[in-house]
Amino acid sequence: MKLDLPSGGEVDPEPLRPEDVATIEIDPAGNMRLDKKPLDLSQIVQALNNMHAQKKDLVIHIRGDENTPYKHIAAVVDACQ
C-alpha cells in the first residue's frame, strides 16, 4: 500500500517538560483521572481551565485502556476543545 503522507513541520527546539503536560486516563468503566487524581468530567474541565490559565502552552495527553469504549474518550476530547 502506497501512502502519500505530509512532511513533518519544524521541530520545537524546547522539549516538553513534565510540568507542562496534563494526563487524563480513562478506564473501561469510564472512570477518569487527571494526573492520577480521580475526578469526574466537569471537575477535569475546571482543573484544565485553571491549569491553562497558568500555562498557555499546556499539553493534554488522553490515555484510554484498550477496552475503554471510544464514547468515553470522545467525551473528554469534546470537553477539551
Protein backbone atom coordinates (compact mmCIF):
# COMPACT_ATOMS: atom_id res chain seq x y z
CA MET A 1 0.00 0.00 0.00
CA LYS A 2 1.49 3.31 -1.04
CA LEU A 3 0.60 6.30 1.09
CA ASP A 4 1.38 9.93 0.38
CA LEU A 5 1.94 11.37 3.82
CA PRO A 6 2.53 15.04 4.59
CA SER A 7 6.00 16.05 5.60
CA GLY A 8 6.59 16.95 9.23
CA GLY A 9 6.84 20.50 10.44
CA GLU A 10 9.69 22.13 12.26
CA VAL A 11 10.86 20.51 15.45
CA ASP A 12 10.28 22.54 18.59
CA PRO A 13 13.73 23.35 19.98
CA GLU A 14 12.47 23.04 23.56
CA PRO A 15 11.47 19.56 24.72
CA LEU A 16 8.25 19.13 26.68
CA ARG A 17 8.69 19.43 30.40
CA PRO A 18 6.61 17.12 32.61
CA GLU A 19 5.04 20.10 34.38
CA ASP A 20 3.66 21.32 31.03
CA VAL A 21 1.70 18.10 30.43
CA ALA A 22 -1.65 17.06 31.93
CA THR A 23 -2.57 13.39 31.58
CA ILE A 24 -6.16 12.18 31.57
CA GLU A 25 -6.63 8.43 31.99
CA ILE A 26 -9.93 6.68 31.29
CA ASP A 27 -10.70 3.11 32.32
CA PRO A 28 -13.22 0.80 30.60
CA ALA A 29 -15.98 1.80 33.04
CA GLY A 30 -15.50 5.48 32.15
CA ASN A 31 -13.78 6.41 35.40
CA MET A 32 -11.35 9.26 34.84
CA ARG A 33 -8.18 10.52 36.49
CA LEU A 34 -6.34 13.76 35.88
CA ASP A 35 -2.67 13.34 36.75
CA LYS A 36 -3.62 10.24 38.79
CA LYS A 37 -6.34 12.08 40.77
CA PRO A 38 -9.87 10.63 40.35
CA LEU A 39 -12.25 13.30 39.03
CA ASP A 40 -15.45 13.43 37.01
CA LEU A 41 -15.54 15.15 33.61
CA SER A 42 -16.80 18.50 34.92
CA GLN A 43 -14.05 18.58 37.54
CA ILE A 44 -11.45 17.74 34.89
CA VAL A 45 -12.67 20.60 32.70
CA GLN A 46 -12.48 23.03 35.61
CA ALA A 47 -8.99 21.83 36.57
CA LEU A 48 -7.77 22.08 32.96
CA ASN A 49 -9.14 25.63 32.67
CA ASN A 50 -7.23 26.57 35.82
CA MET A 51 -4.06 24.90 34.55
CA HIS A 52 -4.39 26.60 31.15
CA ALA A 53 -4.71 29.99 32.83
CA GLN A 54 -1.27 29.37 34.35
CA LYS A 55 0.31 27.63 31.33
CA LYS A 56 -0.89 28.79 27.91
CA ASP A 57 1.10 26.01 26.19
CA LEU A 58 -0.44 23.21 28.27
CA VAL A 59 -0.33 19.83 26.53
CA ILE A 60 -3.05 17.30 27.30
CA HIS A 61 -2.45 13.57 26.89
CA ILE A 62 -5.58 11.42 26.86
CA ARG A 63 -4.98 7.74 27.60
CA GLY A 64 -7.60 5.03 27.40
CA ASP A 65 -7.34 1.38 28.28
CA GLU A 66 -7.59 -0.87 25.23
CA ASN A 67 -11.06 -1.87 26.44
CA THR A 68 -12.30 1.67 27.04
CA PRO A 69 -15.31 2.44 24.83
CA TYR A 70 -14.49 5.27 22.46
CA LYS A 71 -17.51 7.27 23.67
CA HIS A 72 -15.66 7.98 26.94
CA ILE A 73 -12.57 9.19 25.07
CA ALA A 74 -14.72 11.28 22.70
CA ALA A 75 -16.45 12.94 25.66
CA VAL A 76 -13.06 14.04 27.02
CA VAL A 77 -11.85 15.26 23.62
CA ASP A 78 -15.07 17.26 23.16
CA ALA A 79 -14.74 18.78 26.63
CA CYS A 80 -11.12 19.80 25.95
CA GLN A 81 -11.97 21.82 22.83
